[in-house]
């Protein structure tokens, strides 16, 4: 399976040059004590991968790290984030959050020149109805 993540103008994975998406998770949850679906719904994406960091292409990991530090009062804190999972020429899952913000971002660098990262984003609460979830169609 191949995966591609698009985070604003950053493309990671499939055709994103020196990067790979290694894991992707999407979840929708509400509080455990809820007896019906309410306003406390949370939609979360977790994107894990690695970016090979040649001397002139460090911008992808740097942009992710900088985005994680944008204050919530800024409109720059929100980006469109999508992930496409493809297996045997079929899009198994496509998920798009049009107004995502960073919940957490972790990165580490290894001696191979790779940035290993985990990015968790959440869809802005008032835009939950704008989330796109699709799948089972040809590439």
N, C-alpha and C. Protein backbone atom coordinates (compact mmCIF):
# COMPACT_ATOMS: atom_id res chain seq x y z
N UNK A 1 0.84 -1.17 0.00
CA UNK A 1 0.00 0.00 0.00
C UNK A 1 0.89 1.24 0.00
N UNK A 2 0.49 2.23 -0.77
CA UNK A 2 1.19 3.51 -0.76
C UNK A 2 0.27 4.57 -0.16
N UNK A 3 0.87 5.54 0.50
CA UNK A 3 0.09 6.61 1.11
C UNK A 3 0.71 7.94 0.77
N UNK A 4 -0.16 8.92 0.58
CA UNK A 4 0.28 10.28 0.29
C UNK A 4 -0.47 11.22 1.22
N UNK A 5 0.27 12.12 1.86
CA UNK A 5 -0.34 13.14 2.71
C UNK A 5 -0.08 14.50 2.09
N UNK A 6 -1.10 15.33 2.06
CA UNK A 6 -0.96 16.71 1.62
C UNK A 6 -1.34 17.60 2.79
N UNK A 7 -0.40 18.41 3.22
CA UNK A 7 -0.58 19.27 4.39
C UNK A 7 -0.32 20.69 3.93
N UNK A 8 -1.39 21.41 3.63
CA UNK A 8 -1.23 22.72 3.00
C UNK A 8 -0.54 22.52 1.67
N UNK A 9 0.62 23.11 1.48
CA UNK A 9 1.37 22.96 0.22
C UNK A 9 2.43 21.86 0.29
N UNK A 10 2.54 21.20 1.43
CA UNK A 10 3.55 20.14 1.61
C UNK A 10 2.96 18.81 1.14
N UNK A 11 3.68 18.11 0.27
CA UNK A 11 3.26 16.77 -0.16
C UNK A 11 4.27 15.77 0.36
N UNK A 12 3.78 14.77 1.08
CA UNK A 12 4.63 13.72 1.65
C UNK A 12 4.16 12.37 1.14
N UNK A 13 5.10 11.49 0.85
CA UNK A 13 4.74 10.14 0.42
C UNK A 13 4.65 10.02 -1.08
N UNK A 14 3.87 9.05 -1.53
CA UNK A 14 3.72 8.61 -2.92
C UNK A 14 4.52 9.39 -3.95
N UNK A 15 4.20 10.61 -4.20
CA UNK A 15 4.93 11.40 -5.20
C UNK A 15 5.54 12.64 -4.56
N UNK A 16 5.84 12.57 -3.30
CA UNK A 16 6.33 13.73 -2.57
C UNK A 16 7.83 13.79 -2.44
N UNK A 17 8.56 13.16 -3.37
CA UNK A 17 10.03 13.26 -3.34
C UNK A 17 10.66 12.42 -2.26
N UNK A 18 11.44 13.04 -1.39
CA UNK A 18 12.24 12.34 -0.39
C UNK A 18 11.48 12.06 0.89
N UNK A 19 10.29 11.49 0.80
CA UNK A 19 9.50 11.22 2.00
C UNK A 19 8.63 9.99 1.81
N UNK A 20 8.27 9.39 2.93
CA UNK A 20 7.36 8.24 2.95
C UNK A 20 6.38 8.41 4.09
N UNK A 21 5.15 8.03 3.86
CA UNK A 21 4.17 7.91 4.94
C UNK A 21 4.18 6.45 5.33
N UNK A 22 4.45 6.17 6.59
CA UNK A 22 4.56 4.78 7.05
C UNK A 22 3.30 4.29 7.74
N UNK A 23 2.54 5.20 8.35
CA UNK A 23 1.31 4.83 9.05
C UNK A 23 0.32 5.98 8.97
N UNK A 24 -0.96 5.62 8.96
CA UNK A 24 -2.02 6.62 8.96
C UNK A 24 -3.17 6.08 9.79
N UNK A 25 -3.73 6.92 10.63
CA UNK A 25 -4.91 6.54 11.42
C UNK A 25 -5.89 7.71 11.41
N UNK A 26 -7.16 7.38 11.37
CA UNK A 26 -8.22 8.37 11.47
C UNK A 26 -9.18 7.87 12.53
N UNK A 27 -9.65 8.76 13.37
CA UNK A 27 -10.62 8.34 14.38
C UNK A 27 -11.67 9.42 14.58
N UNK A 28 -12.85 8.94 14.93
CA UNK A 28 -13.98 9.80 15.25
C UNK A 28 -14.47 9.32 16.60
N UNK A 29 -14.54 10.22 17.55
CA UNK A 29 -14.97 9.79 18.89
C UNK A 29 -15.82 10.86 19.55
N UNK A 30 -16.56 10.42 20.52
CA UNK A 30 -17.33 11.31 21.37
C UNK A 30 -17.03 10.89 22.80
N UNK A 31 -17.47 11.63 23.76
CA UNK A 31 -17.18 11.27 25.14
C UNK A 31 -17.79 9.92 25.48
N UNK A 32 -17.13 9.16 26.32
CA UNK A 32 -17.59 7.82 26.65
C UNK A 32 -18.92 7.79 27.38
N UNK A 33 -19.28 8.86 28.08
CA UNK A 33 -20.53 8.86 28.82
C UNK A 33 -21.71 9.38 28.00
N UNK A 34 -21.49 9.68 26.71
CA UNK A 34 -22.56 10.20 25.87
C UNK A 34 -23.57 9.11 25.53
N UNK A 35 -24.84 9.47 25.60
CA UNK A 35 -25.90 8.54 25.22
C UNK A 35 -26.41 8.82 23.82
N UNK A 36 -25.94 9.90 23.24
CA UNK A 36 -26.25 10.22 21.85
C UNK A 36 -25.12 11.06 21.30
N UNK A 37 -25.06 11.13 19.98
CA UNK A 37 -24.00 11.92 19.36
C UNK A 37 -24.26 13.39 19.63
N UNK A 38 -23.25 14.06 20.12
CA UNK A 38 -23.42 15.46 20.49
C UNK A 38 -22.34 16.34 19.93
N UNK A 39 -22.21 17.50 20.50
CA UNK A 39 -21.26 18.50 20.02
C UNK A 39 -19.82 18.20 20.40
N UNK A 40 -19.61 17.22 21.24
CA UNK A 40 -18.24 16.93 21.70
C UNK A 40 -17.53 15.90 20.82
N UNK A 41 -17.94 15.78 19.56
CA UNK A 41 -17.32 14.85 18.63
C UNK A 41 -15.92 15.35 18.27
N UNK A 42 -14.97 14.43 18.17
CA UNK A 42 -13.60 14.76 17.77
C UNK A 42 -13.22 13.90 16.58
N UNK A 43 -12.71 14.53 15.55
CA UNK A 43 -12.15 13.81 14.41
C UNK A 43 -10.66 14.09 14.39
N UNK A 44 -9.87 13.01 14.42
CA UNK A 44 -8.42 13.13 14.55
C UNK A 44 -7.74 12.28 13.48
N UNK A 45 -6.68 12.83 12.88
CA UNK A 45 -5.81 12.09 11.97
C UNK A 45 -4.43 12.03 12.59
N UNK A 46 -3.80 10.86 12.50
CA UNK A 46 -2.41 10.71 12.90
C UNK A 46 -1.64 10.24 11.68
N UNK A 47 -0.62 10.99 11.32
CA UNK A 47 0.20 10.70 10.14
C UNK A 47 1.63 10.49 10.62
N UNK A 48 2.19 9.33 10.29
CA UNK A 48 3.57 9.01 10.67
C UNK A 48 4.38 8.79 9.40
N UNK A 49 5.64 9.17 9.44
CA UNK A 49 6.46 8.95 8.27
C UNK A 49 7.89 9.34 8.50
N UNK A 50 8.61 9.38 7.38
CA UNK A 50 9.99 9.81 7.44
C UNK A 50 10.29 10.67 6.23
N UNK A 51 11.13 11.65 6.48
CA UNK A 51 11.57 12.56 5.44
C UNK A 51 13.08 12.44 5.38
N UNK A 52 13.60 12.03 4.22
CA UNK A 52 15.04 12.00 4.04
C UNK A 52 15.49 13.44 3.83
N UNK A 53 16.46 13.86 4.59
CA UNK A 53 16.80 15.27 4.66
C UNK A 53 18.11 15.56 3.92
N UNK A 54 18.05 15.71 2.60
CA UNK A 54 19.24 16.20 1.92
C UNK A 54 19.46 17.66 2.30
N UNK A 55 20.64 18.14 2.07
CA UNK A 55 21.00 19.49 2.53
C UNK A 55 20.06 20.57 2.02
N UNK A 56 19.53 20.41 0.81
CA UNK A 56 18.70 21.47 0.24
C UNK A 56 17.20 21.20 0.31
N UNK A 57 16.76 20.15 1.02
CA UNK A 57 15.33 19.80 1.02
C UNK A 57 14.79 19.61 2.43
N UNK A 58 15.34 20.33 3.40
CA UNK A 58 14.89 20.20 4.78
C UNK A 58 13.60 20.96 5.03
N UNK A 59 13.10 21.67 4.03
CA UNK A 59 11.96 22.54 4.25
C UNK A 59 10.71 21.79 4.72
N UNK A 60 10.50 20.54 4.30
CA UNK A 60 9.28 19.82 4.69
C UNK A 60 9.22 19.59 6.19
N UNK A 61 10.29 19.08 6.78
CA UNK A 61 10.26 18.85 8.22
C UNK A 61 10.25 20.18 8.97
N UNK A 62 10.95 21.17 8.45
CA UNK A 62 10.97 22.48 9.09
C UNK A 62 9.58 23.12 9.06
N UNK A 63 8.89 23.02 7.92
CA UNK A 63 7.54 23.59 7.81
C UNK A 63 6.57 22.92 8.77
N UNK A 64 6.67 21.59 8.92
CA UNK A 64 5.80 20.89 9.87
C UNK A 64 6.08 21.35 11.30
N UNK A 65 7.36 21.43 11.65
CA UNK A 65 7.73 21.87 12.99
C UNK A 65 7.24 23.30 13.25
N UNK A 66 7.41 24.18 12.28
CA UNK A 66 6.98 25.57 12.45
C UNK A 66 5.46 25.67 12.55
N UNK A 67 4.72 24.87 11.77
CA UNK A 67 3.26 24.89 11.83
C UNK A 67 2.78 24.49 13.22
N UNK A 68 3.47 23.53 13.83
CA UNK A 68 3.06 23.07 15.15
C UNK A 68 3.18 24.16 16.21
N UNK A 69 3.94 25.20 15.93
CA UNK A 69 4.17 26.28 16.90
C UNK A 69 3.30 27.52 16.67
N UNK A 70 2.47 27.50 15.64
CA UNK A 70 1.62 28.67 15.36
C UNK A 70 0.57 28.81 16.46
N UNK A 71 0.40 29.99 17.03
CA UNK A 71 -0.59 30.16 18.09
C UNK A 71 -2.03 29.96 17.58
N UNK A 72 -2.91 29.46 18.43
CA UNK A 72 -4.28 29.16 17.99
C UNK A 72 -5.07 30.39 17.57
N UNK A 73 -4.66 31.56 17.97
CA UNK A 73 -5.37 32.78 17.58
C UNK A 73 -5.11 33.16 16.12
N UNK A 74 -4.12 32.55 15.49
CA UNK A 74 -3.77 32.86 14.10
C UNK A 74 -4.51 31.96 13.13
N UNK A 75 -5.00 32.53 12.04
CA UNK A 75 -5.63 31.72 10.99
C UNK A 75 -4.62 30.77 10.34
N UNK A 76 -3.32 31.08 10.46
CA UNK A 76 -2.27 30.20 9.92
C UNK A 76 -2.18 28.89 10.69
N UNK A 77 -2.85 28.80 11.83
CA UNK A 77 -2.85 27.56 12.61
C UNK A 77 -3.67 26.47 11.91
N UNK A 78 -4.47 26.84 10.92
CA UNK A 78 -5.37 25.90 10.24
C UNK A 78 -4.91 25.67 8.80
N UNK A 79 -4.84 24.38 8.43
CA UNK A 79 -4.46 24.01 7.06
C UNK A 79 -5.37 22.89 6.58
N UNK A 80 -5.48 22.78 5.27
CA UNK A 80 -6.17 21.63 4.70
C UNK A 80 -5.20 20.45 4.74
N UNK A 81 -5.67 19.33 5.29
CA UNK A 81 -4.84 18.12 5.41
C UNK A 81 -5.62 16.97 4.80
N UNK A 82 -4.98 16.23 3.90
CA UNK A 82 -5.63 15.05 3.33
C UNK A 82 -4.63 13.90 3.25
N UNK A 83 -5.18 12.69 3.33
CA UNK A 83 -4.37 11.48 3.18
C UNK A 83 -5.10 10.55 2.22
N UNK A 84 -4.33 9.98 1.30
CA UNK A 84 -4.85 9.03 0.32
C UNK A 84 -4.09 7.73 0.47
N UNK A 85 -4.82 6.63 0.68
CA UNK A 85 -4.23 5.29 0.80
C UNK A 85 -4.61 4.49 -0.44
N UNK A 86 -3.60 4.02 -1.19
CA UNK A 86 -3.84 3.33 -2.45
C UNK A 86 -3.25 1.92 -2.38
N UNK A 87 -4.05 0.95 -2.81
CA UNK A 87 -3.60 -0.43 -2.88
C UNK A 87 -4.09 -1.04 -4.18
N UNK A 88 -3.19 -1.58 -4.98
CA UNK A 88 -3.52 -2.24 -6.25
C UNK A 88 -4.41 -1.36 -7.12
N UNK A 89 -3.97 -0.11 -7.34
CA UNK A 89 -4.66 0.85 -8.20
C UNK A 89 -6.06 1.22 -7.74
N UNK A 90 -6.33 1.01 -6.46
CA UNK A 90 -7.62 1.40 -5.89
C UNK A 90 -7.38 2.32 -4.69
N UNK A 91 -8.07 3.44 -4.68
CA UNK A 91 -8.02 4.31 -3.51
C UNK A 91 -8.88 3.65 -2.44
N UNK A 92 -8.21 3.09 -1.45
CA UNK A 92 -8.90 2.39 -0.36
C UNK A 92 -9.55 3.41 0.58
N UNK A 93 -8.82 4.49 0.86
CA UNK A 93 -9.35 5.53 1.74
C UNK A 93 -8.76 6.88 1.36
N UNK A 94 -9.63 7.86 1.35
CA UNK A 94 -9.24 9.26 1.19
C UNK A 94 -9.95 10.04 2.28
N UNK A 95 -9.19 10.75 3.10
CA UNK A 95 -9.76 11.55 4.18
C UNK A 95 -9.20 12.96 4.06
N UNK A 96 -10.10 13.95 4.13
CA UNK A 96 -9.67 15.34 4.05
C UNK A 96 -10.31 16.15 5.17
N UNK A 97 -9.46 16.84 5.93
CA UNK A 97 -9.89 17.81 6.93
C UNK A 97 -9.60 19.19 6.33
N UNK A 98 -10.61 19.98 6.02
CA UNK A 98 -10.35 21.28 5.39
C UNK A 98 -9.78 22.34 6.34
N UNK A 99 -9.98 22.17 7.64
CA UNK A 99 -9.50 23.16 8.62
C UNK A 99 -8.87 22.43 9.79
N UNK A 100 -7.71 21.83 9.57
CA UNK A 100 -7.05 21.05 10.61
C UNK A 100 -6.06 21.90 11.37
N UNK A 101 -5.89 21.54 12.64
CA UNK A 101 -4.87 22.19 13.47
C UNK A 101 -4.05 21.11 14.16
N UNK A 102 -2.84 21.45 14.54
CA UNK A 102 -1.92 20.49 15.15
C UNK A 102 -2.29 20.26 16.61
N UNK A 103 -2.47 18.99 16.96
CA UNK A 103 -2.65 18.59 18.35
C UNK A 103 -1.28 18.26 18.94
N UNK A 104 -0.49 17.50 18.18
CA UNK A 104 0.88 17.21 18.62
C UNK A 104 1.76 16.92 17.41
N UNK A 105 3.03 17.21 17.56
CA UNK A 105 4.02 16.94 16.51
C UNK A 105 5.30 16.49 17.20
N UNK A 106 5.80 15.33 16.79
CA UNK A 106 7.05 14.80 17.32
C UNK A 106 7.96 14.47 16.15
N UNK A 107 9.24 14.75 16.31
CA UNK A 107 10.21 14.37 15.28
C UNK A 107 11.51 13.97 15.95
N UNK A 108 12.21 13.08 15.26
CA UNK A 108 13.56 12.73 15.70
C UNK A 108 14.37 12.49 14.43
N UNK A 109 15.66 12.73 14.54
CA UNK A 109 16.56 12.55 13.41
C UNK A 109 17.50 11.41 13.72
N UNK A 110 17.84 10.62 12.68
CA UNK A 110 18.77 9.52 12.88
C UNK A 110 20.03 9.74 12.04
N UNK A 111 20.99 8.85 12.21
CA UNK A 111 22.28 9.00 11.53
C UNK A 111 22.18 8.76 10.02
N UNK A 112 21.07 8.22 9.55
CA UNK A 112 20.85 8.02 8.12
C UNK A 112 20.40 9.31 7.43
N UNK A 113 20.22 10.37 8.19
CA UNK A 113 19.74 11.62 7.61
C UNK A 113 18.24 11.63 7.39
N UNK A 114 17.51 10.95 8.27
CA UNK A 114 16.06 10.89 8.16
C UNK A 114 15.42 11.60 9.34
N UNK A 115 14.36 12.30 9.05
CA UNK A 115 13.51 12.87 10.09
C UNK A 115 12.31 11.94 10.22
N UNK A 116 12.19 11.29 11.36
CA UNK A 116 11.05 10.41 11.64
C UNK A 116 10.04 11.26 12.40
N UNK A 117 8.80 11.33 11.88
CA UNK A 117 7.84 12.24 12.50
C UNK A 117 6.50 11.56 12.76
N UNK A 118 5.78 12.14 13.70
CA UNK A 118 4.38 11.78 13.97
C UNK A 118 3.62 13.08 14.14
N UNK A 119 2.59 13.26 13.33
CA UNK A 119 1.78 14.46 13.34
C UNK A 119 0.34 14.07 13.65
N UNK A 120 -0.21 14.67 14.68
CA UNK A 120 -1.62 14.45 15.01
C UNK A 120 -2.36 15.76 14.80
N UNK A 121 -3.40 15.70 13.97
CA UNK A 121 -4.20 16.89 13.68
C UNK A 121 -5.66 16.62 13.99
N UNK A 122 -6.37 17.69 14.29
CA UNK A 122 -7.80 17.59 14.57
C UNK A 122 -8.52 18.59 13.68
N UNK A 123 -9.71 18.22 13.25
CA UNK A 123 -10.54 19.12 12.45
C UNK A 123 -11.16 20.18 13.36
N UNK A 124 -11.15 21.40 12.89
CA UNK A 124 -11.77 22.51 13.63
C UNK A 124 -13.24 22.17 13.89
N UNK A 125 -13.67 22.34 15.13
CA UNK A 125 -14.98 21.89 15.58
C UNK A 125 -16.17 22.38 14.78
N UNK A 126 -16.19 23.66 14.41
CA UNK A 126 -17.36 24.18 13.68
C UNK A 126 -17.39 23.75 12.21
N UNK A 127 -16.36 23.01 11.76
CA UNK A 127 -16.31 22.56 10.36
C UNK A 127 -16.36 21.04 10.22
N UNK A 128 -16.87 20.34 11.22
CA UNK A 128 -16.90 18.87 11.17
C UNK A 128 -17.69 18.35 9.97
N UNK A 129 -18.74 19.05 9.57
CA UNK A 129 -19.56 18.58 8.44
C UNK A 129 -18.82 18.69 7.11
N UNK A 130 -17.68 19.37 7.07
CA UNK A 130 -16.92 19.55 5.83
C UNK A 130 -15.86 18.46 5.62
N UNK A 131 -15.72 17.55 6.57
CA UNK A 131 -14.76 16.45 6.43
C UNK A 131 -15.19 15.56 5.27
N UNK A 132 -14.23 15.16 4.46
CA UNK A 132 -14.50 14.24 3.34
C UNK A 132 -13.88 12.88 3.66
N UNK A 133 -14.68 11.82 3.51
CA UNK A 133 -14.19 10.46 3.67
C UNK A 133 -14.72 9.67 2.49
N UNK A 134 -13.80 9.14 1.69
CA UNK A 134 -14.15 8.40 0.49
C UNK A 134 -13.29 7.17 0.38
N UNK A 135 -13.64 6.30 -0.57
CA UNK A 135 -12.81 5.12 -0.81
C UNK A 135 -13.44 4.17 -1.81
N UNK A 136 -12.68 3.13 -2.15
CA UNK A 136 -13.09 2.07 -3.06
C UNK A 136 -13.39 2.60 -4.46
N UNK A 137 -12.46 3.37 -5.01
CA UNK A 137 -12.58 3.83 -6.39
C UNK A 137 -11.21 3.74 -7.06
N UNK A 138 -11.17 3.57 -8.37
CA UNK A 138 -9.88 3.43 -9.08
C UNK A 138 -9.07 4.70 -9.02
N UNK A 139 -7.76 4.52 -9.09
CA UNK A 139 -6.83 5.66 -9.06
C UNK A 139 -7.05 6.49 -10.31
